[in-house]
């Protein structure tokens, strides 16, 4: 999540950044979303790639969306 906040601060030209963490039935959902300029095509750097690699070790996923500002959503399974 630190990388998502850093990216928003560096590149987004945003005035607001929201962090939302939810514990759902079988997953934890963490989203960092800004109201910045977004990106038609997401260019993954070391930060997002590192997030994807760490999430994958826990069988999780990272979803990026640059269509309305920019958001990074991490989904991690809750182990029984």
PDB file of N, CA and C in Angstrom:
ATOM      1  N   UNK A   1       0.822  -1.181   0.000  1.00  0.00           N
ATOM      2  CA  UNK A   1       0.000   0.000   0.000  1.00  0.00           C
ATOM      3  C   UNK A   1       0.874   1.255   0.000  1.00  0.00           C
ATOM      4  N   UNK A   2       2.036   1.162   0.601  1.00  0.00           N
ATOM      5  CA  UNK A   2       2.940   2.315   0.626  1.00  0.00           C
ATOM      6  C   UNK A   2       3.294   2.755  -0.793  1.00  0.00           C
ATOM      7  N   UNK A   3       3.535   1.789  -1.678  1.00  0.00           N
ATOM      8  CA  UNK A   3       3.865   2.119  -3.065  1.00  0.00           C
ATOM      9  C   UNK A   3       2.725   2.848  -3.763  1.00  0.00           C
ATOM     10  N   UNK A   4       1.492   2.426  -3.503  1.00  0.00           N
ATOM     11  CA  UNK A   4       0.333   3.070  -4.123  1.00  0.00           C
ATOM     12  C   UNK A   4       0.203   4.521  -3.651  1.00  0.00           C
ATOM     13  N   UNK A   5       0.427   4.754  -2.378  1.00  0.00           N
ATOM     14  CA  UNK A   5       0.383   6.121  -1.853  1.00  0.00           C
ATOM     15  C   UNK A   5       1.517   6.969  -2.420  1.00  0.00           C
ATOM     16  N   UNK A   6       2.693   6.388  -2.520  1.00  0.00           N
ATOM     17  CA  UNK A   6       3.840   7.101  -3.089  1.00  0.00           C
ATOM     18  C   UNK A   6       3.584   7.463  -4.541  1.00  0.00           C
ATOM     19  N   UNK A   7       3.060   6.510  -5.316  1.00  0.00           N
ATOM     20  CA  UNK A   7       2.751   6.777  -6.731  1.00  0.00           C
ATOM     21  C   UNK A   7       1.718   7.894  -6.874  1.00  0.00           C
ATOM     22  N   UNK A   8       0.690   7.871  -6.044  1.00  0.00           N
ATOM     23  CA  UNK A   8      -0.339   8.900  -6.112  1.00  0.00           C
ATOM     24  C   UNK A   8       0.263  10.275  -5.823  1.00  0.00           C
ATOM     25  N   UNK A   9       1.115  10.338  -4.816  1.00  0.00           N
ATOM     26  CA  UNK A   9       1.735  11.610  -4.446  1.00  0.00           C
ATOM     27  C   UNK A   9       2.665  12.120  -5.540  1.00  0.00           C
ATOM     28  N   UNK A  10       3.420  11.222  -6.154  1.00  0.00           N
ATOM     29  CA  UNK A  10       4.418  11.608  -7.164  1.00  0.00           C
ATOM     30  C   UNK A  10       3.823  11.955  -8.523  1.00  0.00           C
ATOM     31  N   UNK A  11       2.870  11.159  -8.985  1.00  0.00           N
ATOM     32  CA  UNK A  11       2.480  11.216 -10.393  1.00  0.00           C
ATOM     33  C   UNK A  11       1.057  11.676 -10.676  1.00  0.00           C
ATOM     34  N   UNK A  12       0.177  11.638  -9.709  1.00  0.00           N
ATOM     35  CA  UNK A  12      -1.254  11.787  -9.999  1.00  0.00           C
ATOM     36  C   UNK A  12      -1.716  13.221 -10.208  1.00  0.00           C
ATOM     37  N   UNK A  13      -1.000  14.178  -9.633  1.00  0.00           N
ATOM     38  CA  UNK A  13      -1.476  15.560  -9.650  1.00  0.00           C
ATOM     39  C   UNK A  13      -2.878  15.611  -9.029  1.00  0.00           C
ATOM     40  N   UNK A  14      -3.014  14.930  -7.888  1.00  0.00           N
ATOM     41  CA  UNK A  14      -4.316  14.787  -7.219  1.00  0.00           C
ATOM     42  C   UNK A  14      -4.424  15.733  -6.036  1.00  0.00           C
ATOM     43  N   UNK A  15      -5.657  16.094  -5.708  1.00  0.00           N
ATOM     44  CA  UNK A  15      -5.902  16.899  -4.513  1.00  0.00           C
ATOM     45  C   UNK A  15      -6.417  16.042  -3.360  1.00  0.00           C
ATOM     46  N   UNK A  16      -6.818  14.798  -3.658  1.00  0.00           N
ATOM     47  CA  UNK A  16      -7.320  13.889  -2.616  1.00  0.00           C
ATOM     48  C   UNK A  16      -6.848  12.468  -2.902  1.00  0.00           C
ATOM     49  N   UNK A  17      -6.548  11.763  -1.830  1.00  0.00           N
ATOM     50  CA  UNK A  17      -6.223  10.337  -1.901  1.00  0.00           C
ATOM     51  C   UNK A  17      -7.052   9.649  -0.820  1.00  0.00           C
ATOM     52  N   UNK A  18      -7.793   8.613  -1.208  1.00  0.00           N
ATOM     53  CA  UNK A  18      -8.617   7.864  -0.252  1.00  0.00           C
ATOM     54  C   UNK A  18      -8.046   6.457  -0.084  1.00  0.00           C
ATOM     55  N   UNK A  19      -8.050   5.981   1.146  1.00  0.00           N
ATOM     56  CA  UNK A  19      -7.637   4.618   1.457  1.00  0.00           C
ATOM     57  C   UNK A  19      -8.835   3.923   2.082  1.00  0.00           C
ATOM     58  N   UNK A  20      -9.203   2.776   1.518  1.00  0.00           N
ATOM     59  CA  UNK A  20     -10.353   2.024   2.009  1.00  0.00           C
ATOM     60  C   UNK A  20      -9.925   0.568   2.195  1.00  0.00           C
ATOM     61  N   UNK A  21     -10.103   0.061   3.400  1.00  0.00           N
ATOM     62  CA  UNK A  21      -9.773  -1.337   3.691  1.00  0.00           C
ATOM     63  C   UNK A  21     -11.035  -2.012   4.197  1.00  0.00           C
ATOM     64  N   UNK A  22     -11.389  -3.126   3.546  1.00  0.00           N
ATOM     65  CA  UNK A  22     -12.579  -3.885   3.931  1.00  0.00           C
ATOM     66  C   UNK A  22     -12.204  -5.342   4.172  1.00  0.00           C
ATOM     67  N   UNK A  23     -12.762  -5.902   5.226  1.00  0.00           N
ATOM     68  CA  UNK A  23     -12.644  -7.338   5.462  1.00  0.00           C
ATOM     69  C   UNK A  23     -13.977  -7.924   5.038  1.00  0.00           C
ATOM     70  N   UNK A  24     -13.944  -8.666   3.939  1.00  0.00           N
ATOM     71  CA  UNK A  24     -15.151  -9.271   3.392  1.00  0.00           C
ATOM     72  C   UNK A  24     -15.207 -10.729   3.803  1.00  0.00           C
ATOM     73  N   UNK A  25     -16.105 -11.479   3.236  1.00  0.00           N
ATOM     74  CA  UNK A  25     -16.319 -12.868   3.637  1.00  0.00           C
ATOM     75  C   UNK A  25     -15.037 -13.706   3.579  1.00  0.00           C
ATOM     76  N   UNK A  26     -14.370 -13.705   2.431  1.00  0.00           N
ATOM     77  CA  UNK A  26     -13.182 -14.553   2.272  1.00  0.00           C
ATOM     78  C   UNK A  26     -11.963 -13.797   1.781  1.00  0.00           C
ATOM     79  N   UNK A  27     -12.061 -12.467   1.706  1.00  0.00           N
ATOM     80  CA  UNK A  27     -10.919 -11.678   1.235  1.00  0.00           C
ATOM     81  C   UNK A  27     -10.802 -10.370   2.014  1.00  0.00           C
ATOM     82  N   UNK A  28      -9.599  -9.839   1.983  1.00  0.00           N
ATOM     83  CA  UNK A  28      -9.337  -8.482   2.455  1.00  0.00           C
ATOM     84  C   UNK A  28      -9.142  -7.644   1.202  1.00  0.00           C
ATOM     85  N   UNK A  29      -9.851  -6.530   1.130  1.00  0.00           N
ATOM     86  CA  UNK A  29      -9.774  -5.631  -0.021  1.00  0.00           C
ATOM     87  C   UNK A  29      -9.207  -4.299   0.461  1.00  0.00           C
ATOM     88  N   UNK A  30      -8.070  -3.910  -0.102  1.00  0.00           N
ATOM     89  CA  UNK A  30      -7.452  -2.629   0.237  1.00  0.00           C
ATOM     90  C   UNK A  30      -7.353  -1.809  -1.042  1.00  0.00           C
ATOM     91  N   UNK A  31      -7.932  -0.599  -1.014  1.00  0.00           N
ATOM     92  CA  UNK A  31      -7.940   0.248  -2.208  1.00  0.00           C
ATOM     93  C   UNK A  31      -7.352   1.617  -1.881  1.00  0.00           C
ATOM     94  N   UNK A  32      -6.450   2.070  -2.750  1.00  0.00           N
ATOM     95  CA  UNK A  32      -5.927   3.432  -2.701  1.00  0.00           C
ATOM     96  C   UNK A  32      -6.388   4.089  -3.991  1.00  0.00           C
ATOM     97  N   UNK A  33      -7.143   5.193  -3.860  1.00  0.00           N
ATOM     98  CA  UNK A  33      -7.731   5.853  -5.032  1.00  0.00           C
ATOM     99  C   UNK A  33      -7.500   7.350  -4.915  1.00  0.00           C
ATOM    100  N   UNK A  34      -7.114   7.965  -6.043  1.00  0.00           N
ATOM    101  CA  UNK A  34      -6.934   9.412  -6.038  1.00  0.00           C
ATOM    102  C   UNK A  34      -7.853  10.059  -7.071  1.00  0.00           C
ATOM    103  N   UNK A  35      -7.952  11.366  -7.011  1.00  0.00           N
ATOM    104  CA  UNK A  35      -8.789  12.101  -7.956  1.00  0.00           C
ATOM    105  C   UNK A  35      -7.931  12.840  -8.989  1.00  0.00           C
ATOM    106  N   UNK A  36      -6.783  12.293  -9.262  1.00  0.00           N
ATOM    107  CA  UNK A  36      -5.836  12.928 -10.186  1.00  0.00           C
ATOM    108  C   UNK A  36      -6.147  12.701 -11.643  1.00  0.00           C
ATOM    109  N   UNK A  37      -5.126  12.902 -12.457  1.00  0.00           N
ATOM    110  CA  UNK A  37      -5.298  12.880 -13.912  1.00  0.00           C
ATOM    111  C   UNK A  37      -5.485  11.490 -14.499  1.00  0.00           C
ATOM    112  N   UNK A  38      -5.174  10.436 -13.766  1.00  0.00           N
ATOM    113  CA  UNK A  38      -5.363   9.077 -14.282  1.00  0.00           C
ATOM    114  C   UNK A  38      -4.392   8.747 -15.401  1.00  0.00           C
ATOM    115  N   UNK A  39      -4.664   7.663 -16.084  1.00  0.00           N
ATOM    116  CA  UNK A  39      -3.811   7.217 -17.182  1.00  0.00           C
ATOM    117  C   UNK A  39      -4.614   6.313 -18.097  1.00  0.00           C
ATOM    118  N   UNK A  40      -4.604   6.619 -19.389  1.00  0.00           N
ATOM    119  CA  UNK A  40      -5.323   5.774 -20.346  1.00  0.00           C
ATOM    120  C   UNK A  40      -4.707   4.379 -20.384  1.00  0.00           C
ATOM    121  N   UNK A  41      -3.388   4.319 -20.272  1.00  0.00           N
ATOM    122  CA  UNK A  41      -2.688   3.035 -20.243  1.00  0.00           C
ATOM    123  C   UNK A  41      -1.804   3.023 -19.001  1.00  0.00           C
ATOM    124  N   UNK A  42      -1.983   2.020 -18.168  1.00  0.00           N
ATOM    125  CA  UNK A  42      -1.212   1.924 -16.932  1.00  0.00           C
ATOM    126  C   UNK A  42       0.174   1.381 -17.250  1.00  0.00           C
ATOM    127  N   UNK A  43       1.174   2.143 -16.859  1.00  0.00           N
ATOM    128  CA  UNK A  43       2.571   1.756 -17.048  1.00  0.00           C
ATOM    129  C   UNK A  43       3.096   1.267 -15.705  1.00  0.00           C
ATOM    130  N   UNK A  44       3.335  -0.032 -15.608  1.00  0.00           N
ATOM    131  CA  UNK A  44       3.739  -0.615 -14.334  1.00  0.00           C
ATOM    132  C   UNK A  44       5.239  -0.420 -14.121  1.00  0.00           C
ATOM    133  N   UNK A  45       5.555   0.211 -12.994  1.00  0.00           N
ATOM    134  CA  UNK A  45       6.945   0.376 -12.591  1.00  0.00           C
ATOM    135  C   UNK A  45       7.280  -0.628 -11.509  1.00  0.00           C
ATOM    136  N   UNK A  46       8.382  -0.385 -10.831  1.00  0.00           N
ATOM    137  CA  UNK A  46       8.832  -1.302  -9.788  1.00  0.00           C
ATOM    138  C   UNK A  46       7.854  -1.379  -8.617  1.00  0.00           C
ATOM    139  N   UNK A  47       7.190  -0.268  -8.285  1.00  0.00           N
ATOM    140  CA  UNK A  47       6.256  -0.261  -7.156  1.00  0.00           C
ATOM    141  C   UNK A  47       5.074  -1.184  -7.366  1.00  0.00           C
ATOM    142  N   UNK A  48       4.385  -1.023  -8.486  1.00  0.00           N
ATOM    143  CA  UNK A  48       3.216  -1.865  -8.762  1.00  0.00           C
ATOM    144  C   UNK A  48       3.638  -3.310  -9.000  1.00  0.00           C
ATOM    145  N   UNK A  49       4.730  -3.501  -9.718  1.00  0.00           N
ATOM    146  CA  UNK A  49       5.227  -4.864  -9.959  1.00  0.00           C
ATOM    147  C   UNK A  49       5.567  -5.549  -8.642  1.00  0.00           C
ATOM    148  N   UNK A  50       6.205  -4.830  -7.731  1.00  0.00           N
ATOM    149  CA  UNK A  50       6.526  -5.389  -6.416  1.00  0.00           C
ATOM    150  C   UNK A  50       5.281  -5.738  -5.633  1.00  0.00           C
ATOM    151  N   UNK A  51       4.253  -4.878  -5.720  1.00  0.00           N
ATOM    152  CA  UNK A  51       2.988  -5.162  -5.044  1.00  0.00           C
ATOM    153  C   UNK A  51       2.361  -6.439  -5.604  1.00  0.00           C
ATOM    154  N   UNK A  52       2.384  -6.575  -6.929  1.00  0.00           N
ATOM    155  CA  UNK A  52       1.827  -7.773  -7.562  1.00  0.00           C
ATOM    156  C   UNK A  52       2.570  -9.027  -7.120  1.00  0.00           C
ATOM    157  N   UNK A  53       3.888  -8.944  -7.051  1.00  0.00           N
ATOM    158  CA  UNK A  53       4.685 -10.106  -6.643  1.00  0.00           C
ATOM    159  C   UNK A  53       4.396 -10.504  -5.201  1.00  0.00           C
ATOM    160  N   UNK A  54       4.320  -9.519  -4.308  1.00  0.00           N
ATOM    161  CA  UNK A  54       4.042  -9.829  -2.907  1.00  0.00           C
ATOM    162  C   UNK A  54       2.630 -10.370  -2.726  1.00  0.00           C
ATOM    163  N   UNK A  55       1.660  -9.807  -3.431  1.00  0.00           N
ATOM    164  CA  UNK A  55       0.283 -10.317  -3.342  1.00  0.00           C
ATOM    165  C   UNK A  55       0.208 -11.751  -3.867  1.00  0.00           C
ATOM    166  N   UNK A  56       0.926 -12.029  -4.944  1.00  0.00           N
ATOM    167  CA  UNK A  56       0.904 -13.377  -5.537  1.00  0.00           C
ATOM    168  C   UNK A  56       1.438 -14.427  -4.558  1.00  0.00           C
ATOM    169  N   UNK A  57       2.414 -14.053  -3.719  1.00  0.00           N
ATOM    170  CA  UNK A  57       2.935 -15.032  -2.752  1.00  0.00           C
ATOM    171  C   UNK A  57       1.870 -15.438  -1.739  1.00  0.00           C
ATOM    172  N   UNK A  58       0.835 -14.602  -1.585  1.00  0.00           N
ATOM    173  CA  UNK A  58      -0.268 -14.904  -0.680  1.00  0.00           C
ATOM    174  C   UNK A  58      -1.529 -15.327  -1.435  1.00  0.00           C
ATOM    175  N   UNK A  59      -1.374 -15.648  -2.720  1.00  0.00           N
ATOM    176  CA  UNK A  59      -2.466 -16.015  -3.623  1.00  0.00           C
ATOM    177  C   UNK A  59      -3.455 -14.860  -3.813  1.00  0.00           C
ATOM    178  N   UNK A  60      -2.934 -13.648  -3.785  1.00  0.00           N
ATOM    179  CA  UNK A  60      -3.767 -12.474  -3.973  1.00  0.00           C
ATOM    180  C   UNK A  60      -3.556 -11.832  -5.333  1.00  0.00           C
ATOM    181  N   UNK A  61      -4.239 -10.725  -5.556  1.00  0.00           N
ATOM    182  CA  UNK A  61      -4.189 -10.026  -6.841  1.00  0.00           C
ATOM    183  C   UNK A  61      -4.141  -8.522  -6.616  1.00  0.00           C
ATOM    184  N   UNK A  62      -3.548  -7.827  -7.578  1.00  0.00           N
ATOM    185  CA  UNK A  62      -3.532  -6.367  -7.577  1.00  0.00           C
ATOM    186  C   UNK A  62      -4.203  -5.911  -8.865  1.00  0.00           C
ATOM    187  N   UNK A  63      -5.139  -4.985  -8.733  1.00  0.00           N
ATOM    188  CA  UNK A  63      -5.875  -4.451  -9.882  1.00  0.00           C
ATOM    189  C   UNK A  63      -5.600  -2.953  -9.951  1.00  0.00           C
ATOM    190  N   UNK A  64      -5.160  -2.490 -11.113  1.00  0.00           N
ATOM    191  CA  UNK A  64      -4.936  -1.058 -11.304  1.00  0.00           C
ATOM    192  C   UNK A  64      -5.949  -0.522 -12.302  1.00  0.00           C
ATOM    193  N   UNK A  65      -6.365   0.723 -12.077  1.00  0.00           N
ATOM    194  CA  UNK A  65      -7.347   1.353 -12.964  1.00  0.00           C
ATOM    195  C   UNK A  65      -7.014   2.835 -13.057  1.00  0.00           C
ATOM    196  N   UNK A  66      -6.802   3.319 -14.262  1.00  0.00           N
ATOM    197  CA  UNK A  66      -6.472   4.722 -14.471  1.00  0.00           C
ATOM    198  C   UNK A  66      -7.567   5.500 -15.156  1.00  0.00           C
ATOM    199  N   UNK A  67      -8.794   4.981 -15.158  1.00  0.00           N
ATOM    200  CA  UNK A  67      -9.858   5.612 -15.943  1.00  0.00           C
ATOM    201  C   UNK A  67     -10.492   6.833 -15.281  1.00  0.00           C
ATOM    202  N   UNK A  68     -10.602   6.884 -13.984  1.00  0.00           N
ATOM    203  CA  UNK A  68     -11.186   8.028 -13.259  1.00  0.00           C
ATOM    204  C   UNK A  68     -10.241   8.337 -12.102  1.00  0.00           C
ATOM    205  N   UNK A  69      -9.234   9.144 -12.342  1.00  0.00           N
ATOM    206  CA  UNK A  69      -8.156   9.243 -11.375  1.00  0.00           C
ATOM    207  C   UNK A  69      -7.357   7.960 -11.511  1.00  0.00           C
ATOM    208  N   UNK A  70      -6.776   7.504 -10.431  1.00  0.00           N
ATOM    209  CA  UNK A  70      -6.018   6.253 -10.472  1.00  0.00           C
ATOM    210  C   UNK A  70      -6.308   5.479  -9.207  1.00  0.00           C
ATOM    211  N   UNK A  71      -6.493   4.176  -9.342  1.00  0.00           N
ATOM    212  CA  UNK A  71      -6.720   3.348  -8.165  1.00  0.00           C
ATOM    213  C   UNK A  71      -5.896   2.074  -8.242  1.00  0.00           C
ATOM    214  N   UNK A  72      -5.493   1.627  -7.069  1.00  0.00           N
ATOM    215  CA  UNK A  72      -4.800   0.346  -6.919  1.00  0.00           C
ATOM    216  C   UNK A  72      -5.585  -0.429  -5.871  1.00  0.00           C
ATOM    217  N   UNK A  73      -6.117  -1.570  -6.274  1.00  0.00           N
ATOM    218  CA  UNK A  73      -6.900  -2.414  -5.375  1.00  0.00           C
ATOM    219  C   UNK A  73      -6.152  -3.721  -5.175  1.00  0.00           C
ATOM    220  N   UNK A  74      -5.940  -4.076  -3.924  1.00  0.00           N
ATOM    221  CA  UNK A  74      -5.280  -5.334  -3.580  1.00  0.00           C
ATOM    222  C   UNK A  74      -6.302  -6.255  -2.932  1.00  0.00           C
ATOM    223  N   UNK A  75      -6.383  -7.474  -3.448  1.00  0.00           N
ATOM    224  CA  UNK A  75      -7.289  -8.491  -2.908  1.00  0.00           C
ATOM    225  C   UNK A  75      -6.449  -9.636  -2.348  1.00  0.00           C
ATOM    226  N   UNK A  76      -6.627  -9.923  -1.074  1.00  0.00           N
ATOM    227  CA  UNK A  76      -5.875 -10.985  -0.424  1.00  0.00           C
ATOM    228  C   UNK A  76      -6.842 -11.959   0.225  1.00  0.00           C
ATOM    229  N   UNK A  77      -6.647 -13.256  -0.005  1.00  0.00           N
ATOM    230  CA  UNK A  77      -7.560 -14.230   0.605  1.00  0.00           C
ATOM    231  C   UNK A  77      -7.323 -14.324   2.123  1.00  0.00           C
ATOM    232  N   UNK A  78      -8.408 -14.586   2.830  1.00  0.00           N
ATOM    233  CA  UNK A  78      -8.307 -14.831   4.275  1.00  0.00           C
ATOM    234  C   UNK A  78      -8.201 -16.329   4.449  1.00  0.00           C
ATOM    235  N   UNK A  79      -7.124 -16.743   5.064  1.00  0.00           N
ATOM    236  CA  UNK A  79      -6.913 -18.174   5.281  1.00  0.00           C
ATOM    237  C   UNK A  79      -7.748 -18.640   6.483  1.00  0.00           C
ATOM    238  N   UNK A  80      -8.362 -19.816   6.373  1.00  0.00           N
ATOM    239  CA  UNK A  80      -9.153 -20.344   7.501  1.00  0.00           C
ATOM    240  C   UNK A  80      -8.294 -20.721   8.682  1.00  0.00           C
TER     241      UNK A  80
END
